[in-house]
Amino acid sequence: AESHPFAGEIRMGEVDVVICPEELGFAIEIG
């Protein structure tokens, strides 16, 4: 394939998970 890659950035860590329940109408963090 016509590909010559460089690893721009690799990162590992924790990211927050957010949902927006219809009954609340605003976003909440669940973990």
PDB file of all heavy atoms in Angstrom:
ATOM      1  N   ALA A   1       0.875  -1.175   0.000  1.00  0.00           N
ATOM      2  CA  ALA A   1       0.000   0.000   0.000  1.00  0.00           C
ATOM      3  C   ALA A   1       0.909   1.221   0.000  1.00  0.00           C
ATOM      4  O   ALA A   1       2.062   1.147   0.414  1.00  0.00           O
ATOM      5  CB  ALA A   1      -0.915   0.024   1.234  1.00  0.00           C
ATOM      6  N   GLU A   2       0.377   2.340  -0.455  1.00  0.00           N
ATOM      7  CA  GLU A   2       1.167   3.577  -0.446  1.00  0.00           C
ATOM      8  C   GLU A   2       1.092   4.163   0.958  1.00  0.00           C
ATOM      9  O   GLU A   2       0.331   5.080   1.236  1.00  0.00           O
ATOM     10  CB  GLU A   2       0.606   4.549  -1.481  1.00  0.00           C
ATOM     11  CG  GLU A   2       0.794   4.101  -2.913  1.00  0.00           C
ATOM     12  CD  GLU A   2       2.270   4.037  -3.297  1.00  0.00           C
ATOM     13  OE1 GLU A   2       3.070   4.819  -2.741  1.00  0.00           O
ATOM     14  OE2 GLU A   2       2.629   3.197  -4.149  1.00  0.00           O
ATOM     15  N   SER A   3       1.890   3.587   1.875  1.00  0.00           N
ATOM     16  CA  SER A   3       1.804   4.009   3.272  1.00  0.00           C
ATOM     17  C   SER A   3       3.190   4.127   3.878  1.00  0.00           C
ATOM     18  O   SER A   3       3.984   3.189   3.822  1.00  0.00           O
ATOM     19  CB  SER A   3       0.968   2.986   4.069  1.00  0.00           C
ATOM     20  OG  SER A   3       0.942   3.307   5.435  1.00  0.00           O
ATOM     21  N   HIS A   4       3.486   5.305   4.437  1.00  0.00           N
ATOM     22  CA  HIS A   4       4.734   5.502   5.172  1.00  0.00           C
ATOM     23  C   HIS A   4       4.375   6.211   6.473  1.00  0.00           C
ATOM     24  O   HIS A   4       4.312   7.436   6.537  1.00  0.00           O
ATOM     25  CB  HIS A   4       5.724   6.332   4.361  1.00  0.00           C
ATOM     26  CG  HIS A   4       7.074   6.413   5.020  1.00  0.00           C
ATOM     27  ND1 HIS A   4       7.776   7.581   5.149  1.00  0.00           N
ATOM     28  CD2 HIS A   4       7.833   5.463   5.622  1.00  0.00           C
ATOM     29  CE1 HIS A   4       8.912   7.369   5.786  1.00  0.00           C
ATOM     30  NE2 HIS A   4       8.968   6.081   6.077  1.00  0.00           N
ATOM     31  N   PRO A   5       4.112   5.435   7.543  1.00  0.00           N
ATOM     32  CA  PRO A   5       3.542   6.025   8.756  1.00  0.00           C
ATOM     33  C   PRO A   5       4.582   6.479   9.769  1.00  0.00           C
ATOM     34  O   PRO A   5       5.729   6.013   9.780  1.00  0.00           O
ATOM     35  CB  PRO A   5       2.732   4.862   9.325  1.00  0.00           C
ATOM     36  CG  PRO A   5       3.521   3.650   8.925  1.00  0.00           C
ATOM     37  CD  PRO A   5       4.136   3.973   7.588  1.00  0.00           C
ATOM     38  N   PHE A   6       4.155   7.409  10.619  1.00  0.00           N
ATOM     39  CA  PHE A   6       4.895   7.824  11.806  1.00  0.00           C
ATOM     40  C   PHE A   6       3.914   7.778  12.979  1.00  0.00           C
ATOM     41  O   PHE A   6       2.740   8.149  12.822  1.00  0.00           O
ATOM     42  CB  PHE A   6       5.429   9.244  11.665  1.00  0.00           C
ATOM     43  CG  PHE A   6       6.393   9.436  10.516  1.00  0.00           C
ATOM     44  CD1 PHE A   6       5.925   9.787   9.250  1.00  0.00           C
ATOM     45  CD2 PHE A   6       7.754   9.262  10.701  1.00  0.00           C
ATOM     46  CE1 PHE A   6       6.801   9.965   8.192  1.00  0.00           C
ATOM     47  CE2 PHE A   6       8.636   9.437   9.639  1.00  0.00           C
ATOM     48  CZ  PHE A   6       8.165   9.783   8.391  1.00  0.00           C
ATOM     49  N   ALA A   7       4.390   7.328  14.126  1.00  0.00           N
ATOM     50  CA  ALA A   7       3.535   7.308  15.317  1.00  0.00           C
ATOM     51  C   ALA A   7       3.456   8.722  15.881  1.00  0.00           C
ATOM     52  O   ALA A   7       4.358   9.182  16.586  1.00  0.00           O
ATOM     53  CB  ALA A   7       4.102   6.342  16.353  1.00  0.00           C
ATOM     54  N   GLY A   8       2.385   9.417  15.530  1.00  0.00           N
ATOM     55  CA  GLY A   8       2.230  10.791  15.994  1.00  0.00           C
ATOM     56  C   GLY A   8       2.084  10.866  17.499  1.00  0.00           C
ATOM     57  O   GLY A   8       2.813  11.612  18.174  1.00  0.00           O
ATOM     58  N   GLU A   9       1.142  10.077  18.032  1.00  0.00           N
ATOM     59  CA  GLU A   9       0.956  10.051  19.481  1.00  0.00           C
ATOM     60  C   GLU A   9       0.228   8.777  19.877  1.00  0.00           C
ATOM     61  O   GLU A   9      -0.726   8.358  19.218  1.00  0.00           O
ATOM     62  CB  GLU A   9       0.166  11.265  19.969  1.00  0.00           C
ATOM     63  CG  GLU A   9       0.007  11.307  21.473  1.00  0.00           C
ATOM     64  CD  GLU A   9      -0.715  12.543  21.971  1.00  0.00           C
ATOM     65  OE1 GLU A   9      -1.293  13.277  21.145  1.00  0.00           O
ATOM     66  OE2 GLU A   9      -0.711  12.771  23.189  1.00  0.00           O
ATOM     67  N   ILE A  10       0.709   8.164  20.948  1.00  0.00           N
ATOM     68  CA  ILE A  10       0.044   7.017  21.555  1.00  0.00           C
ATOM     69  C   ILE A  10      -0.151   7.365  23.019  1.00  0.00           C
ATOM     70  O   ILE A  10       0.812   7.702  23.719  1.00  0.00           O
ATOM     71  CB  ILE A  10       0.895   5.738  21.425  1.00  0.00           C
ATOM     72  CG1 ILE A  10       1.163   5.428  19.950  1.00  0.00           C
ATOM     73  CG2 ILE A  10       0.202   4.559  22.097  1.00  0.00           C
ATOM     74  CD1 ILE A  10       2.295   4.448  19.731  1.00  0.00           C
ATOM     75  N   ARG A  11      -1.385   7.319  23.475  1.00  0.00           N
ATOM     76  CA  ARG A  11      -1.657   7.667  24.865  1.00  0.00           C
ATOM     77  C   ARG A  11      -2.587   6.642  25.498  1.00  0.00           C
ATOM     78  O   ARG A  11      -3.462   6.081  24.827  1.00  0.00           O
ATOM     79  CB  ARG A  11      -2.235   9.076  24.998  1.00  0.00           C
ATOM     80  CG  ARG A  11      -3.477   9.342  24.178  1.00  0.00           C
ATOM     81  CD  ARG A  11      -4.146  10.665  24.563  1.00  0.00           C
ATOM     82  NE  ARG A  11      -3.309  11.827  24.370  1.00  0.00           N
ATOM     83  CZ  ARG A  11      -3.598  13.046  24.836  1.00  0.00           C
ATOM     84  NH1 ARG A  11      -4.718  13.231  25.519  1.00  0.00           N
ATOM     85  NH2 ARG A  11      -2.799  14.062  24.619  1.00  0.00           N
ATOM     86  N   MET A  12      -2.380   6.384  26.784  1.00  0.00           N
ATOM     87  CA  MET A  12      -3.217   5.454  27.530  1.00  0.00           C
ATOM     88  C   MET A  12      -3.562   6.084  28.875  1.00  0.00           C
ATOM     89  O   MET A  12      -2.695   6.669  29.535  1.00  0.00           O
ATOM     90  CB  MET A  12      -2.481   4.122  27.735  1.00  0.00           C
ATOM     91  CG  MET A  12      -3.274   3.057  28.480  1.00  0.00           C
ATOM     92  SD  MET A  12      -3.092   3.140  30.286  1.00  0.00           S
ATOM     93  CE  MET A  12      -1.367   2.648  30.489  1.00  0.00           C
ATOM     94  N   GLY A  13      -4.810   5.967  29.258  1.00  0.00           N
ATOM     95  CA  GLY A  13      -5.242   6.518  30.537  1.00  0.00           C
ATOM     96  C   GLY A  13      -6.732   6.375  30.719  1.00  0.00           C
ATOM     97  O   GLY A  13      -7.393   5.605  30.007  1.00  0.00           O
ATOM     98  N   GLU A  14      -7.261   7.125  31.666  1.00  0.00           N
ATOM     99  CA  GLU A  14      -8.683   7.007  32.005  1.00  0.00           C
ATOM    100  C   GLU A  14      -9.474   8.150  31.381  1.00  0.00           C
ATOM    101  O   GLU A  14      -9.020   9.302  31.354  1.00  0.00           O
ATOM    102  CB  GLU A  14      -8.869   7.035  33.534  1.00  0.00           C
ATOM    103  CG  GLU A  14      -8.570   5.713  34.230  1.00  0.00           C
ATOM    104  CD  GLU A  14      -7.117   5.262  34.082  1.00  0.00           C
ATOM    105  OE1 GLU A  14      -6.217   6.088  34.357  1.00  0.00           O
ATOM    106  OE2 GLU A  14      -6.885   4.108  33.663  1.00  0.00           O
ATOM    107  N   VAL A  15     -10.653   7.801  30.887  1.00  0.00           N
ATOM    108  CA  VAL A  15     -11.547   8.770  30.253  1.00  0.00           C
ATOM    109  C   VAL A  15     -12.929   8.628  30.878  1.00  0.00           C
ATOM    110  O   VAL A  15     -13.416   7.511  31.107  1.00  0.00           O
ATOM    111  CB  VAL A  15     -11.643   8.528  28.728  1.00  0.00           C
ATOM    112  CG1 VAL A  15     -12.618   9.500  28.090  1.00  0.00           C
ATOM    113  CG2 VAL A  15     -10.271   8.651  28.085  1.00  0.00           C
ATOM    114  N   ASP A  16     -13.553   9.754  31.170  1.00  0.00           N
ATOM    115  CA  ASP A  16     -14.893   9.743  31.770  1.00  0.00           C
ATOM    116  C   ASP A  16     -15.938   9.335  30.741  1.00  0.00           C
ATOM    117  O   ASP A  16     -15.850   9.685  29.558  1.00  0.00           O
ATOM    118  CB  ASP A  16     -15.233  11.131  32.329  1.00  0.00           C
ATOM    119  CG  ASP A  16     -14.339  11.513  33.500  1.00  0.00           C
ATOM    120  OD1 ASP A  16     -13.895  10.604  34.220  1.00  0.00           O
ATOM    121  OD2 ASP A  16     -14.083  12.723  33.683  1.00  0.00           O
ATOM    122  N   VAL A  17     -16.944   8.601  31.219  1.00  0.00           N
ATOM    123  CA  VAL A  17     -18.069   8.171  30.385  1.00  0.00           C
ATOM    124  C   VAL A  17     -19.292   8.980  30.797  1.00  0.00           C
ATOM    125  O   VAL A  17     -19.658   9.013  31.978  1.00  0.00           O
ATOM    126  CB  VAL A  17     -18.349   6.663  30.548  1.00  0.00           C
ATOM    127  CG1 VAL A  17     -19.545   6.251  29.705  1.00  0.00           C
ATOM    128  CG2 VAL A  17     -17.119   5.856  30.172  1.00  0.00           C
ATOM    129  N   VAL A  18     -19.920   9.625  29.819  1.00  0.00           N
ATOM    130  CA  VAL A  18     -21.033  10.538  30.094  1.00  0.00           C
ATOM    131  C   VAL A  18     -22.240  10.117  29.274  1.00  0.00           C
ATOM    132  O   VAL A  18     -22.113   9.802  28.082  1.00  0.00           O
ATOM    133  CB  VAL A  18     -20.641  12.000  29.752  1.00  0.00           C
ATOM    134  CG1 VAL A  18     -21.826  12.937  29.944  1.00  0.00           C
ATOM    135  CG2 VAL A  18     -19.457  12.442  30.605  1.00  0.00           C
ATOM    136  N   ILE A  19     -23.411  10.098  29.897  1.00  0.00           N
ATOM    137  CA  ILE A  19     -24.662   9.848  29.188  1.00  0.00           C
ATOM    138  C   ILE A  19     -25.637  10.984  29.500  1.00  0.00           C
ATOM    139  O   ILE A  19     -25.449  11.733  30.463  1.00  0.00           O
ATOM    140  CB  ILE A  19     -25.302   8.494  29.575  1.00  0.00           C
ATOM    141  CG1 ILE A  19     -25.709   8.492  31.050  1.00  0.00           C
ATOM    142  CG2 ILE A  19     -24.375   7.342  29.267  1.00  0.00           C
ATOM    143  CD1 ILE A  19     -26.535   7.280  31.445  1.00  0.00           C
ATOM    144  N   CYS A  20     -26.649  11.076  28.668  1.00  0.00           N
ATOM    145  CA  CYS A  20     -27.677  12.096  28.861  1.00  0.00           C
ATOM    146  C   CYS A  20     -29.038  11.406  28.857  1.00  0.00           C
ATOM    147  O   CYS A  20     -29.664  11.269  27.804  1.00  0.00           O
ATOM    148  CB  CYS A  20     -27.602  13.161  27.779  1.00  0.00           C
ATOM    149  SG  CYS A  20     -28.759  14.536  28.026  1.00  0.00           S
ATOM    150  N   PRO A  21     -29.527  10.927  30.015  1.00  0.00           N
ATOM    151  CA  PRO A  21     -30.826  10.234  30.063  1.00  0.00           C
ATOM    152  C   PRO A  21     -31.969  11.154  29.654  1.00  0.00           C
ATOM    153  O   PRO A  21     -31.995  12.340  30.023  1.00  0.00           O
ATOM    154  CB  PRO A  21     -30.947   9.821  31.535  1.00  0.00           C
ATOM    155  CG  PRO A  21     -29.555   9.900  32.092  1.00  0.00           C
ATOM    156  CD  PRO A  21     -28.886  10.989  31.329  1.00  0.00           C
ATOM    157  N   GLU A  22     -32.904  10.594  28.893  1.00  0.00           N
ATOM    158  CA  GLU A  22     -34.028  11.405  28.428  1.00  0.00           C
ATOM    159  C   GLU A  22     -34.849  11.942  29.590  1.00  0.00           C
ATOM    160  O   GLU A  22     -35.360  13.069  29.538  1.00  0.00           O
ATOM    161  CB  GLU A  22     -34.923  10.569  27.500  1.00  0.00           C
ATOM    162  CG  GLU A  22     -34.265  10.194  26.185  1.00  0.00           C
ATOM    163  CD  GLU A  22     -35.213   9.431  25.284  1.00  0.00           C
ATOM    164  OE1 GLU A  22     -36.397   9.278  25.669  1.00  0.00           O
ATOM    165  OE2 GLU A  22     -34.792   8.987  24.202  1.00  0.00           O
ATOM    166  N   GLU A  23     -34.970  11.132  30.653  1.00  0.00           N
ATOM    167  CA  GLU A  23     -35.815  11.573  31.765  1.00  0.00           C
ATOM    168  C   GLU A  23     -35.186  12.711  32.567  1.00  0.00           C
ATOM    169  O   GLU A  23     -35.889  13.433  33.286  1.00  0.00           O
ATOM    170  CB  GLU A  23     -36.116  10.397  32.707  1.00  0.00           C
ATOM    171  CG  GLU A  23     -34.888   9.715  33.297  1.00  0.00           C
ATOM    172  CD  GLU A  23     -34.365   8.586  32.440  1.00  0.00           C
ATOM    173  OE1 GLU A  23     -34.611   8.599  31.211  1.00  0.00           O
ATOM    174  OE2 GLU A  23     -33.723   7.687  32.999  1.00  0.00           O
ATOM    175  N   LEU A  24     -33.838  12.881  32.451  1.00  0.00           N
ATOM    176  CA  LEU A  24     -33.174  13.971  33.154  1.00  0.00           C
ATOM    177  C   LEU A  24     -33.013  15.200  32.272  1.00  0.00           C
ATOM    178  O   LEU A  24     -33.158  16.325  32.736  1.00  0.00           O
ATOM    179  CB  LEU A  24     -31.802  13.515  33.658  1.00  0.00           C
ATOM    180  CG  LEU A  24     -31.776  12.414  34.722  1.00  0.00           C
ATOM    181  CD1 LEU A  24     -30.350  12.095  35.136  1.00  0.00           C
ATOM    182  CD2 LEU A  24     -32.589  12.838  35.945  1.00  0.00           C
ATOM    183  N   GLY A  25     -32.644  14.965  31.020  1.00  0.00           N
ATOM    184  CA  GLY A  25     -32.464  16.088  30.104  1.00  0.00           C
ATOM    185  C   GLY A  25     -31.129  16.779  30.219  1.00  0.00           C
ATOM    186  O   GLY A  25     -30.904  17.817  29.591  1.00  0.00           O
ATOM    187  N   PHE A  26     -30.216  16.246  31.027  1.00  0.00           N
ATOM    188  CA  PHE A  26     -28.875  16.810  31.116  1.00  0.00           C
ATOM    189  C   PHE A  26     -27.888  15.662  31.288  1.00  0.00           C
ATOM    190  O   PHE A  26     -28.242  14.542  31.666  1.00  0.00           O
ATOM    191  CB  PHE A  26     -28.751  17.816  32.267  1.00  0.00           C
ATOM    192  CG  PHE A  26     -29.125  17.257  33.610  1.00  0.00           C
ATOM    193  CD1 PHE A  26     -28.213  16.584  34.409  1.00  0.00           C
ATOM    194  CD2 PHE A  26     -30.431  17.417  34.086  1.00  0.00           C
ATOM    195  CE1 PHE A  26     -28.564  16.070  35.633  1.00  0.00           C
ATOM    196  CE2 PHE A  26     -30.797  16.902  35.324  1.00  0.00           C
ATOM    197  CZ  PHE A  26     -29.866  16.227  36.104  1.00  0.00           C
ATOM    198  N   ALA A  27     -26.618  15.969  30.984  1.00  0.00           N
ATOM    199  CA  ALA A  27     -25.577  14.935  30.968  1.00  0.00           C
ATOM    200  C   ALA A  27     -25.097  14.631  32.380  1.00  0.00           C
ATOM    201  O   ALA A  27     -24.995  15.529  33.225  1.00  0.00           O
ATOM    202  CB  ALA A  27     -24.410  15.381  30.096  1.00  0.00           C
ATOM    203  N   ILE A  28     -24.816  13.355  32.627  1.00  0.00           N
ATOM    204  CA  ILE A  28     -24.255  12.932  33.903  1.00  0.00           C
ATOM    205  C   ILE A  28     -23.084  11.983  33.654  1.00  0.00           C
ATOM    206  O   ILE A  28     -23.066  11.247  32.668  1.00  0.00           O
ATOM    207  CB  ILE A  28     -25.301  12.231  34.800  1.00  0.00           C
ATOM    208  CG1 ILE A  28     -25.877  10.997  34.102  1.00  0.00           C
ATOM    209  CG2 ILE A  28     -26.394  13.191  35.213  1.00  0.00           C
ATOM    210  CD1 ILE A  28     -26.785  10.158  34.980  1.00  0.00           C
ATOM    211  N   GLU A  29     -22.120  12.019  34.544  1.00  0.00           N
ATOM    212  CA  GLU A  29     -20.963  11.119  34.448  1.00  0.00           C
ATOM    213  C   GLU A  29     -21.282   9.831  35.191  1.00  0.00           C
ATOM    214  O   GLU A  29     -21.720   9.868  36.353  1.00  0.00           O
ATOM    215  CB  GLU A  29     -19.740  11.805  35.054  1.00  0.00           C
ATOM    216  CG  GLU A  29     -18.474  10.970  35.009  1.00  0.00           C
ATOM    217  CD  GLU A  29     -17.317  11.656  35.718  1.00  0.00           C
ATOM    218  OE1 GLU A  29     -17.154  12.887  35.513  1.00  0.00           O
ATOM    219  OE2 GLU A  29     -16.614  10.976  36.489  1.00  0.00           O
ATOM    220  N   ILE A  30     -21.084   8.694  34.541  1.00  0.00           N
ATOM    221  CA  ILE A  30     -21.430   7.411  35.155  1.00  0.00           C
ATOM    222  C   ILE A  30     -20.203   6.575  35.512  1.00  0.00           C
ATOM    223  O   ILE A  30     -20.340   5.469  36.041  1.00  0.00           O
ATOM    224  CB  ILE A  30     -22.358   6.585  34.236  1.00  0.00           C
ATOM    225  CG1 ILE A  30     -21.667   6.277  32.904  1.00  0.00           C
ATOM    226  CG2 ILE A  30     -23.681   7.287  34.031  1.00  0.00           C
ATOM    227  CD1 ILE A  30     -22.454   5.327  32.009  1.00  0.00           C
ATOM    228  N   GLY A  31     -19.008   7.070  35.241  1.00  0.00           N
ATOM    229  CA  GLY A  31     -17.800   6.325  35.563  1.00  0.00           C
ATOM    230  C   GLY A  31     -16.685   6.668  34.604  1.00  0.00           C
ATOM    231  O   GLY A  31     -16.776   7.647  33.839  1.00  0.00           O
TER     232      GLY A  31
END
